[in-house]
């Protein structure tokens, strides 16, 4: 089986956000069921990183009061492993 077989289900659960968006906006996306990760995209729609719930909790711990205005690109993980639709799921795993 190839990764492309998983694409319809993956697209249903895919959450994306712009790199300049606020952490609060990513947290709003993650409040949806089954959304534990948000893909961060550049202006051209290319993936530049991901943000997880752990990233957001770590940032919130550092905030004081309601003044937390960090951007997603300051807390995201940039070194992301991805795959192509034509790759076998065995190889991806």
PDB file of N, CA and C in Angstrom:
ATOM      1  N   UNK A   1       0.846  -1.176   0.000  1.00  0.00           N
ATOM      2  CA  UNK A   1       0.000   0.000   0.000  1.00  0.00           C
ATOM      3  C   UNK A   1       0.894   1.243   0.000  1.00  0.00           C
ATOM      4  N   UNK A   2       0.446   2.245  -0.725  1.00  0.00           N
ATOM      5  CA  UNK A   2       1.222   3.478  -0.838  1.00  0.00           C
ATOM      6  C   UNK A   2       0.608   4.595   0.010  1.00  0.00           C
ATOM      7  N   UNK A   3       1.422   5.574   0.322  1.00  0.00           N
ATOM      8  CA  UNK A   3       0.993   6.702   1.156  1.00  0.00           C
ATOM      9  C   UNK A   3      -0.215   7.418   0.551  1.00  0.00           C
ATOM     10  N   UNK A   4      -0.328   7.424  -0.774  1.00  0.00           N
ATOM     11  CA  UNK A   4      -1.439   8.134  -1.412  1.00  0.00           C
ATOM     12  C   UNK A   4      -2.801   7.584  -0.995  1.00  0.00           C
ATOM     13  N   UNK A   5      -2.862   6.322  -0.568  1.00  0.00           N
ATOM     14  CA  UNK A   5      -4.116   5.740  -0.094  1.00  0.00           C
ATOM     15  C   UNK A   5      -4.594   6.401   1.194  1.00  0.00           C
ATOM     16  N   UNK A   6      -3.671   6.997   1.925  1.00  0.00           N
ATOM     17  CA  UNK A   6      -3.999   7.647   3.191  1.00  0.00           C
ATOM     18  C   UNK A   6      -4.384   9.118   3.015  1.00  0.00           C
ATOM     19  N   UNK A   7      -4.160   9.664   1.840  1.00  0.00           N
ATOM     20  CA  UNK A   7      -4.374  11.094   1.622  1.00  0.00           C
ATOM     21  C   UNK A   7      -5.788  11.574   1.907  1.00  0.00           C
ATOM     22  N   UNK A   8      -6.839  10.902   1.465  1.00  0.00           N
ATOM     23  CA  UNK A   8      -8.179  11.422   1.766  1.00  0.00           C
ATOM     24  C   UNK A   8      -8.431  11.590   3.265  1.00  0.00           C
ATOM     25  N   UNK A   9      -8.062  10.592   4.043  1.00  0.00           N
ATOM     26  CA  UNK A   9      -8.241  10.670   5.504  1.00  0.00           C
ATOM     27  C   UNK A   9      -7.336  11.732   6.104  1.00  0.00           C
ATOM     28  N   UNK A  10      -6.111  11.807   5.627  1.00  0.00           N
ATOM     29  CA  UNK A  10      -5.165  12.803   6.146  1.00  0.00           C
ATOM     30  C   UNK A  10      -5.659  14.219   5.859  1.00  0.00           C
ATOM     31  N   UNK A  11      -6.215  14.433   4.681  1.00  0.00           N
ATOM     32  CA  UNK A  11      -6.710  15.776   4.334  1.00  0.00           C
ATOM     33  C   UNK A  11      -7.882  16.194   5.203  1.00  0.00           C
ATOM     34  N   UNK A  12      -8.700  15.233   5.632  1.00  0.00           N
ATOM     35  CA  UNK A  12      -9.813  15.542   6.531  1.00  0.00           C
ATOM     36  C   UNK A  12      -9.315  16.088   7.855  1.00  0.00           C
ATOM     37  N   UNK A  13      -8.176  15.617   8.291  1.00  0.00           N
ATOM     38  CA  UNK A  13      -7.645  15.983   9.601  1.00  0.00           C
ATOM     39  C   UNK A  13      -6.553  17.047   9.538  1.00  0.00           C
ATOM     40  N   UNK A  14      -6.194  17.468   8.336  1.00  0.00           N
ATOM     41  CA  UNK A  14      -5.093  18.410   8.172  1.00  0.00           C
ATOM     42  C   UNK A  14      -5.476  19.811   8.650  1.00  0.00           C
ATOM     43  N   UNK A  15      -4.634  20.371   9.474  1.00  0.00           N
ATOM     44  CA  UNK A  15      -4.794  21.754   9.921  1.00  0.00           C
ATOM     45  C   UNK A  15      -3.529  22.501   9.537  1.00  0.00           C
ATOM     46  N   UNK A  16      -3.690  23.645   8.876  1.00  0.00           N
ATOM     47  CA  UNK A  16      -2.533  24.450   8.472  1.00  0.00           C
ATOM     48  C   UNK A  16      -2.693  25.867   8.984  1.00  0.00           C
ATOM     49  N   UNK A  17      -1.554  26.544   9.097  1.00  0.00           N
ATOM     50  CA  UNK A  17      -1.541  27.918   9.575  1.00  0.00           C
ATOM     51  C   UNK A  17      -0.337  28.620   8.962  1.00  0.00           C
ATOM     52  N   UNK A  18      -0.422  29.907   8.787  1.00  0.00           N
ATOM     53  CA  UNK A  18       0.690  30.689   8.270  1.00  0.00           C
ATOM     54  C   UNK A  18       1.770  30.876   9.320  1.00  0.00           C
ATOM     55  N   UNK A  19       3.003  30.987   8.875  1.00  0.00           N
ATOM     56  CA  UNK A  19       4.148  31.108   9.788  1.00  0.00           C
ATOM     57  C   UNK A  19       4.068  32.360  10.665  1.00  0.00           C
ATOM     58  N   UNK A  20       3.410  33.398  10.192  1.00  0.00           N
ATOM     59  CA  UNK A  20       3.318  34.629  10.961  1.00  0.00           C
ATOM     60  C   UNK A  20       2.125  34.700  11.899  1.00  0.00           C
ATOM     61  N   UNK A  21       1.330  33.636  11.943  1.00  0.00           N
ATOM     62  CA  UNK A  21       0.144  33.618  12.809  1.00  0.00           C
ATOM     63  C   UNK A  21       0.568  33.537  14.271  1.00  0.00           C
ATOM     64  N   UNK A  22      -0.334  33.901  15.134  1.00  0.00           N
ATOM     65  CA  UNK A  22      -0.060  33.854  16.565  1.00  0.00           C
ATOM     66  C   UNK A  22      -0.273  32.443  17.117  1.00  0.00           C
ATOM     67  N   UNK A  23       0.467  32.128  18.167  1.00  0.00           N
ATOM     68  CA  UNK A  23       0.350  30.839  18.838  1.00  0.00           C
ATOM     69  C   UNK A  23      -1.098  30.601  19.257  1.00  0.00           C
ATOM     70  N   UNK A  24      -1.768  31.630  19.686  1.00  0.00           N
ATOM     71  CA  UNK A  24      -3.170  31.526  20.093  1.00  0.00           C
ATOM     72  C   UNK A  24      -4.033  30.967  18.953  1.00  0.00           C
ATOM     73  N   UNK A  25      -3.740  31.389  17.705  1.00  0.00           N
ATOM     74  CA  UNK A  25      -4.496  30.896  16.549  1.00  0.00           C
ATOM     75  C   UNK A  25      -4.260  29.400  16.330  1.00  0.00           C
ATOM     76  N   UNK A  26      -3.033  28.956  16.536  1.00  0.00           N
ATOM     77  CA  UNK A  26      -2.727  27.521  16.421  1.00  0.00           C
ATOM     78  C   UNK A  26      -3.447  26.750  17.527  1.00  0.00           C
ATOM     79  N   UNK A  27      -3.515  27.327  18.721  1.00  0.00           N
ATOM     80  CA  UNK A  27      -4.220  26.672  19.825  1.00  0.00           C
ATOM     81  C   UNK A  27      -5.708  26.535  19.498  1.00  0.00           C
ATOM     82  N   UNK A  28      -6.276  27.540  18.860  1.00  0.00           N
ATOM     83  CA  UNK A  28      -7.683  27.458  18.447  1.00  0.00           C
ATOM     84  C   UNK A  28      -7.896  26.293  17.484  1.00  0.00           C
ATOM     85  N   UNK A  29      -6.984  26.124  16.517  1.00  0.00           N
ATOM     86  CA  UNK A  29      -7.093  25.010  15.577  1.00  0.00           C
ATOM     87  C   UNK A  29      -6.998  23.672  16.303  1.00  0.00           C
ATOM     88  N   UNK A  30      -6.132  23.601  17.304  1.00  0.00           N
ATOM     89  CA  UNK A  30      -5.929  22.347  18.023  1.00  0.00           C
ATOM     90  C   UNK A  30      -7.042  22.027  18.995  1.00  0.00           C
ATOM     91  N   UNK A  31      -7.961  22.940  19.191  1.00  0.00           N
ATOM     92  CA  UNK A  31      -9.093  22.648  20.064  1.00  0.00           C
ATOM     93  C   UNK A  31     -10.098  21.729  19.379  1.00  0.00           C
ATOM     94  N   UNK A  32      -9.929  21.526  18.073  1.00  0.00           N
ATOM     95  CA  UNK A  32     -10.794  20.604  17.330  1.00  0.00           C
ATOM     96  C   UNK A  32     -10.391  19.158  17.639  1.00  0.00           C
ATOM     97  N   UNK A  33     -11.363  18.244  17.635  1.00  0.00           N
ATOM     98  CA  UNK A  33     -11.026  16.835  17.893  1.00  0.00           C
ATOM     99  C   UNK A  33     -10.032  16.288  16.863  1.00  0.00           C
ATOM    100  N   UNK A  34      -9.155  15.437  17.308  1.00  0.00           N
ATOM    101  CA  UNK A  34      -8.169  14.749  16.461  1.00  0.00           C
ATOM    102  C   UNK A  34      -7.155  15.691  15.825  1.00  0.00           C
ATOM    103  N   UNK A  35      -6.975  16.875  16.371  1.00  0.00           N
ATOM    104  CA  UNK A  35      -5.993  17.812  15.832  1.00  0.00           C
ATOM    105  C   UNK A  35      -4.910  18.017  16.887  1.00  0.00           C
ATOM    106  N   UNK A  36      -3.833  17.259  16.754  1.00  0.00           N
ATOM    107  CA  UNK A  36      -2.733  17.338  17.706  1.00  0.00           C
ATOM    108  C   UNK A  36      -1.509  18.021  17.126  1.00  0.00           C
ATOM    109  N   UNK A  37      -1.594  18.360  15.847  1.00  0.00           N
ATOM    110  CA  UNK A  37      -0.457  18.939  15.146  1.00  0.00           C
ATOM    111  C   UNK A  37      -0.998  19.884  14.070  1.00  0.00           C
ATOM    112  N   UNK A  38      -0.336  21.022  13.917  1.00  0.00           N
ATOM    113  CA  UNK A  38      -0.700  21.981  12.878  1.00  0.00           C
ATOM    114  C   UNK A  38       0.516  22.172  11.978  1.00  0.00           C
ATOM    115  N   UNK A  39       0.303  22.057  10.674  1.00  0.00           N
ATOM    116  CA  UNK A  39       1.374  22.262   9.707  1.00  0.00           C
ATOM    117  C   UNK A  39       1.512  23.760   9.467  1.00  0.00           C
ATOM    118  N   UNK A  40       2.734  24.262   9.588  1.00  0.00           N
ATOM    119  CA  UNK A  40       3.010  25.691   9.387  1.00  0.00           C
ATOM    120  C   UNK A  40       3.495  25.879   7.951  1.00  0.00           C
ATOM    121  N   UNK A  41       2.863  26.820   7.237  1.00  0.00           N
ATOM    122  CA  UNK A  41       3.160  27.039   5.822  1.00  0.00           C
ATOM    123  C   UNK A  41       3.688  28.445   5.577  1.00  0.00           C
ATOM    124  N   UNK A  42       4.540  28.564   4.553  1.00  0.00           N
ATOM    125  CA  UNK A  42       5.020  29.881   4.140  1.00  0.00           C
ATOM    126  C   UNK A  42       3.969  30.532   3.238  1.00  0.00           C
ATOM    127  N   UNK A  43       4.275  31.698   2.721  1.00  0.00           N
ATOM    128  CA  UNK A  43       3.318  32.444   1.893  1.00  0.00           C
ATOM    129  C   UNK A  43       2.938  31.712   0.609  1.00  0.00           C
ATOM    130  N   UNK A  44       3.810  30.805   0.149  1.00  0.00           N
ATOM    131  CA  UNK A  44       3.535  30.042  -1.067  1.00  0.00           C
ATOM    132  C   UNK A  44       2.799  28.734  -0.787  1.00  0.00           C
ATOM    133  N   UNK A  45       2.496  28.458   0.478  1.00  0.00           N
ATOM    134  CA  UNK A  45       1.796  27.231   0.846  1.00  0.00           C
ATOM    135  C   UNK A  45       2.698  26.052   1.114  1.00  0.00           C
ATOM    136  N   UNK A  46       4.006  26.265   1.082  1.00  0.00           N
ATOM    137  CA  UNK A  46       4.953  25.180   1.368  1.00  0.00           C
ATOM    138  C   UNK A  46       5.135  24.979   2.863  1.00  0.00           C
ATOM    139  N   UNK A  47       5.295  23.731   3.274  1.00  0.00           N
ATOM    140  CA  UNK A  47       5.501  23.437   4.686  1.00  0.00           C
ATOM    141  C   UNK A  47       6.875  23.932   5.150  1.00  0.00           C
ATOM    142  N   UNK A  48       6.879  24.665   6.254  1.00  0.00           N
ATOM    143  CA  UNK A  48       8.140  25.140   6.830  1.00  0.00           C
ATOM    144  C   UNK A  48       8.343  24.614   8.244  1.00  0.00           C
ATOM    145  N   UNK A  49       7.338  23.936   8.779  1.00  0.00           N
ATOM    146  CA  UNK A  49       7.446  23.384  10.115  1.00  0.00           C
ATOM    147  C   UNK A  49       6.122  22.863  10.614  1.00  0.00           C
ATOM    148  N   UNK A  50       6.119  22.436  11.874  1.00  0.00           N
ATOM    149  CA  UNK A  50       4.902  21.978  12.538  1.00  0.00           C
ATOM    150  C   UNK A  50       4.874  22.511  13.962  1.00  0.00           C
ATOM    151  N   UNK A  51       3.672  22.631  14.491  1.00  0.00           N
ATOM    152  CA  UNK A  51       3.477  23.037  15.882  1.00  0.00           C
ATOM    153  C   UNK A  51       2.626  21.966  16.548  1.00  0.00           C
ATOM    154  N   UNK A  52       3.049  21.542  17.722  1.00  0.00           N
ATOM    155  CA  UNK A  52       2.310  20.528  18.476  1.00  0.00           C
ATOM    156  C   UNK A  52       1.718  21.157  19.738  1.00  0.00           C
ATOM    157  N   UNK A  53       0.854  20.399  20.386  1.00  0.00           N
ATOM    158  CA  UNK A  53       0.282  20.866  21.648  1.00  0.00           C
ATOM    159  C   UNK A  53       1.384  21.076  22.686  1.00  0.00           C
ATOM    160  N   UNK A  54       2.400  20.235  22.652  1.00  0.00           N
ATOM    161  CA  UNK A  54       3.520  20.382  23.581  1.00  0.00           C
ATOM    162  C   UNK A  54       4.242  21.708  23.350  1.00  0.00           C
ATOM    163  N   UNK A  55       4.425  22.096  22.084  1.00  0.00           N
ATOM    164  CA  UNK A  55       5.056  23.380  21.771  1.00  0.00           C
ATOM    165  C   UNK A  55       4.247  24.536  22.366  1.00  0.00           C
ATOM    166  N   UNK A  56       2.942  24.453  22.220  1.00  0.00           N
ATOM    167  CA  UNK A  56       2.066  25.529  22.696  1.00  0.00           C
ATOM    168  C   UNK A  56       2.070  25.602  24.220  1.00  0.00           C
ATOM    169  N   UNK A  57       1.984  24.466  24.878  1.00  0.00           N
ATOM    170  CA  UNK A  57       2.010  24.463  26.339  1.00  0.00           C
ATOM    171  C   UNK A  57       3.324  25.047  26.843  1.00  0.00           C
ATOM    172  N   UNK A  58       4.432  24.676  26.198  1.00  0.00           N
ATOM    173  CA  UNK A  58       5.732  25.229  26.593  1.00  0.00           C
ATOM    174  C   UNK A  58       5.787  26.736  26.447  1.00  0.00           C
ATOM    175  N   UNK A  59       5.162  27.268  25.398  1.00  0.00           N
ATOM    176  CA  UNK A  59       5.146  28.714  25.193  1.00  0.00           C
ATOM    177  C   UNK A  59       4.257  29.398  26.219  1.00  0.00           C
ATOM    178  N   UNK A  60       3.107  28.824  26.501  1.00  0.00           N
ATOM    179  CA  UNK A  60       2.172  29.424  27.452  1.00  0.00           C
ATOM    180  C   UNK A  60       2.787  29.487  28.848  1.00  0.00           C
ATOM    181  N   UNK A  61       3.577  28.475  29.184  1.00  0.00           N
ATOM    182  CA  UNK A  61       4.249  28.481  30.491  1.00  0.00           C
ATOM    183  C   UNK A  61       5.140  29.702  30.663  1.00  0.00           C
ATOM    184  N   UNK A  62       5.671  30.224  29.560  1.00  0.00           N
ATOM    185  CA  UNK A  62       6.594  31.344  29.617  1.00  0.00           C
ATOM    186  C   UNK A  62       5.890  32.700  29.552  1.00  0.00           C
ATOM    187  N   UNK A  63       4.600  32.692  29.283  1.00  0.00           N
ATOM    188  CA  UNK A  63       3.852  33.947  29.149  1.00  0.00           C
ATOM    189  C   UNK A  63       3.449  34.475  30.514  1.00  0.00           C
ATOM    190  N   UNK A  64       3.324  35.780  30.581  1.00  0.00           N
ATOM    191  CA  UNK A  64       2.826  36.379  31.809  1.00  0.00           C
ATOM    192  C   UNK A  64       1.571  37.182  31.469  1.00  0.00           C
ATOM    193  N   UNK A  65       0.504  36.867  32.161  1.00  0.00           N
ATOM    194  CA  UNK A  65      -0.756  37.560  31.924  1.00  0.00           C
ATOM    195  C   UNK A  65      -1.300  37.290  30.542  1.00  0.00           C
ATOM    196  N   UNK A  66      -2.033  38.249  30.003  1.00  0.00           N
ATOM    197  CA  UNK A  66      -2.633  38.096  28.687  1.00  0.00           C
ATOM    198  C   UNK A  66      -1.757  38.631  27.583  1.00  0.00           C
ATOM    199  N   UNK A  67      -0.503  38.924  27.860  1.00  0.00           N
ATOM    200  CA  UNK A  67       0.370  39.545  26.880  1.00  0.00           C
ATOM    201  C   UNK A  67       1.158  38.579  26.014  1.00  0.00           C
ATOM    202  N   UNK A  68       0.746  37.332  25.911  1.00  0.00           N
ATOM    203  CA  UNK A  68       1.486  36.357  25.113  1.00  0.00           C
ATOM    204  C   UNK A  68       1.130  36.538  23.643  1.00  0.00           C
ATOM    205  N   UNK A  69       2.061  37.090  22.905  1.00  0.00           N
ATOM    206  CA  UNK A  69       1.802  37.371  21.491  1.00  0.00           C
ATOM    207  C   UNK A  69       2.851  36.727  20.586  1.00  0.00           C
ATOM    208  N   UNK A  70       3.361  35.581  21.000  1.00  0.00           N
ATOM    209  CA  UNK A  70       4.379  34.890  20.204  1.00  0.00           C
ATOM    210  C   UNK A  70       3.785  34.422  18.882  1.00  0.00           C
ATOM    211  N   UNK A  71       4.637  34.405  17.872  1.00  0.00           N
ATOM    212  CA  UNK A  71       4.230  33.904  16.560  1.00  0.00           C
ATOM    213  C   UNK A  71       4.579  32.432  16.449  1.00  0.00           C
ATOM    214  N   UNK A  72       3.820  31.734  15.616  1.00  0.00           N
ATOM    215  CA  UNK A  72       4.011  30.306  15.405  1.00  0.00           C
ATOM    216  C   UNK A  72       5.434  29.993  14.954  1.00  0.00           C
ATOM    217  N   UNK A  73       6.006  30.825  14.092  1.00  0.00           N
ATOM    218  CA  UNK A  73       7.342  30.523  13.567  1.00  0.00           C
ATOM    219  C   UNK A  73       8.446  30.617  14.618  1.00  0.00           C
ATOM    220  N   UNK A  74       8.132  31.159  15.799  1.00  0.00           N
ATOM    221  CA  UNK A  74       9.138  31.230  16.858  1.00  0.00           C
ATOM    222  C   UNK A  74       9.159  29.982  17.729  1.00  0.00           C
ATOM    223  N   UNK A  75       8.121  29.146  17.649  1.00  0.00           N
ATOM    224  CA  UNK A  75       8.069  27.947  18.492  1.00  0.00           C
ATOM    225  C   UNK A  75       7.956  26.652  17.689  1.00  0.00           C
ATOM    226  N   UNK A  76       7.785  26.744  16.385  1.00  0.00           N
ATOM    227  CA  UNK A  76       7.562  25.545  15.576  1.00  0.00           C
ATOM    228  C   UNK A  76       8.824  24.689  15.459  1.00  0.00           C
ATOM    229  N   UNK A  77       8.615  23.433  15.152  1.00  0.00           N
ATOM    230  CA  UNK A  77       9.695  22.520  14.830  1.00  0.00           C
ATOM    231  C   UNK A  77       9.956  22.649  13.339  1.00  0.00           C
ATOM    232  N   UNK A  78      11.183  22.973  12.987  1.00  0.00           N
ATOM    233  CA  UNK A  78      11.523  23.200  11.581  1.00  0.00           C
ATOM    234  C   UNK A  78      12.035  21.954  10.872  1.00  0.00           C
ATOM    235  N   UNK A  79      12.652  21.069  11.604  1.00  0.00           N
ATOM    236  CA  UNK A  79      13.238  19.865  11.028  1.00  0.00           C
ATOM    237  C   UNK A  79      12.164  18.782  10.988  1.00  0.00           C
ATOM    238  N   UNK A  80      11.408  18.731   9.902  1.00  0.00           N
ATOM    239  CA  UNK A  80      10.267  17.830   9.779  1.00  0.00           C
ATOM    240  C   UNK A  80      10.552  16.786   8.698  1.00  0.00           C
ATOM    241  N   UNK A  81      10.234  15.565   8.996  1.00  0.00           N
ATOM    242  CA  UNK A  81      10.370  14.489   8.020  1.00  0.00           C
ATOM    243  C   UNK A  81       9.030  14.327   7.316  1.00  0.00           C
ATOM    244  N   UNK A  82       9.074  14.261   6.005  1.00  0.00           N
ATOM    245  CA  UNK A  82       7.844  14.107   5.231  1.00  0.00           C
ATOM    246  C   UNK A  82       8.019  12.969   4.233  1.00  0.00           C
ATOM    247  N   UNK A  83       6.940  12.653   3.539  1.00  0.00           N
ATOM    248  CA  UNK A  83       7.001  11.592   2.532  1.00  0.00           C
ATOM    249  C   UNK A  83       6.239  12.025   1.287  1.00  0.00           C
ATOM    250  N   UNK A  84       6.411  11.269   0.234  1.00  0.00           N
ATOM    251  CA  UNK A  84       5.720  11.501  -1.039  1.00  0.00           C
ATOM    252  C   UNK A  84       4.577  10.496  -1.168  1.00  0.00           C
ATOM    253  N   UNK A  85       3.517  10.856  -1.887  1.00  0.00           N
ATOM    254  CA  UNK A  85       2.391   9.932  -2.070  1.00  0.00           C
ATOM    255  C   UNK A  85       2.795   8.598  -2.686  1.00  0.00           C
ATOM    256  N   UNK A  86       3.847   8.593  -3.478  1.00  0.00           N
ATOM    257  CA  UNK A  86       4.261   7.367  -4.168  1.00  0.00           C
ATOM    258  C   UNK A  86       5.081   6.420  -3.296  1.00  0.00           C
ATOM    259  N   UNK A  87       5.404   6.811  -2.065  1.00  0.00           N
ATOM    260  CA  UNK A  87       6.200   5.946  -1.190  1.00  0.00           C
ATOM    261  C   UNK A  87       5.311   4.903  -0.526  1.00  0.00           C
ATOM    262  N   UNK A  88       5.882   3.723  -0.322  1.00  0.00           N
ATOM    263  CA  UNK A  88       5.104   2.664   0.334  1.00  0.00           C
ATOM    264  C   UNK A  88       4.969   2.999   1.822  1.00  0.00           C
ATOM    265  N   UNK A  89       3.845   2.583   2.394  1.00  0.00           N
ATOM    266  CA  UNK A  89       3.624   2.836   3.831  1.00  0.00           C
ATOM    267  C   UNK A  89       4.663   2.124   4.670  1.00  0.00           C
ATOM    268  N   UNK A  90       5.112   0.965   4.213  1.00  0.00           N
ATOM    269  CA  UNK A  90       6.155   0.244   4.940  1.00  0.00           C
ATOM    270  C   UNK A  90       7.423   1.093   5.030  1.00  0.00           C
ATOM    271  N   UNK A  91       7.820   1.703   3.919  1.00  0.00           N
ATOM    272  CA  UNK A  91       9.009   2.553   3.913  1.00  0.00           C
ATOM    273  C   UNK A  91       8.812   3.818   4.749  1.00  0.00           C
ATOM    274  N   UNK A  92       7.620   4.368   4.706  1.00  0.00           N
ATOM    275  CA  UNK A  92       7.315   5.573   5.480  1.00  0.00           C
ATOM    276  C   UNK A  92       7.400   5.252   6.972  1.00  0.00           C
ATOM    277  N   UNK A  93       6.851   4.125   7.358  1.00  0.00           N
ATOM    278  CA  UNK A  93       6.854   3.722   8.762  1.00  0.00           C
ATOM    279  C   UNK A  93       8.266   3.536   9.265  1.00  0.00           C
TER     280      UNK A  93
END
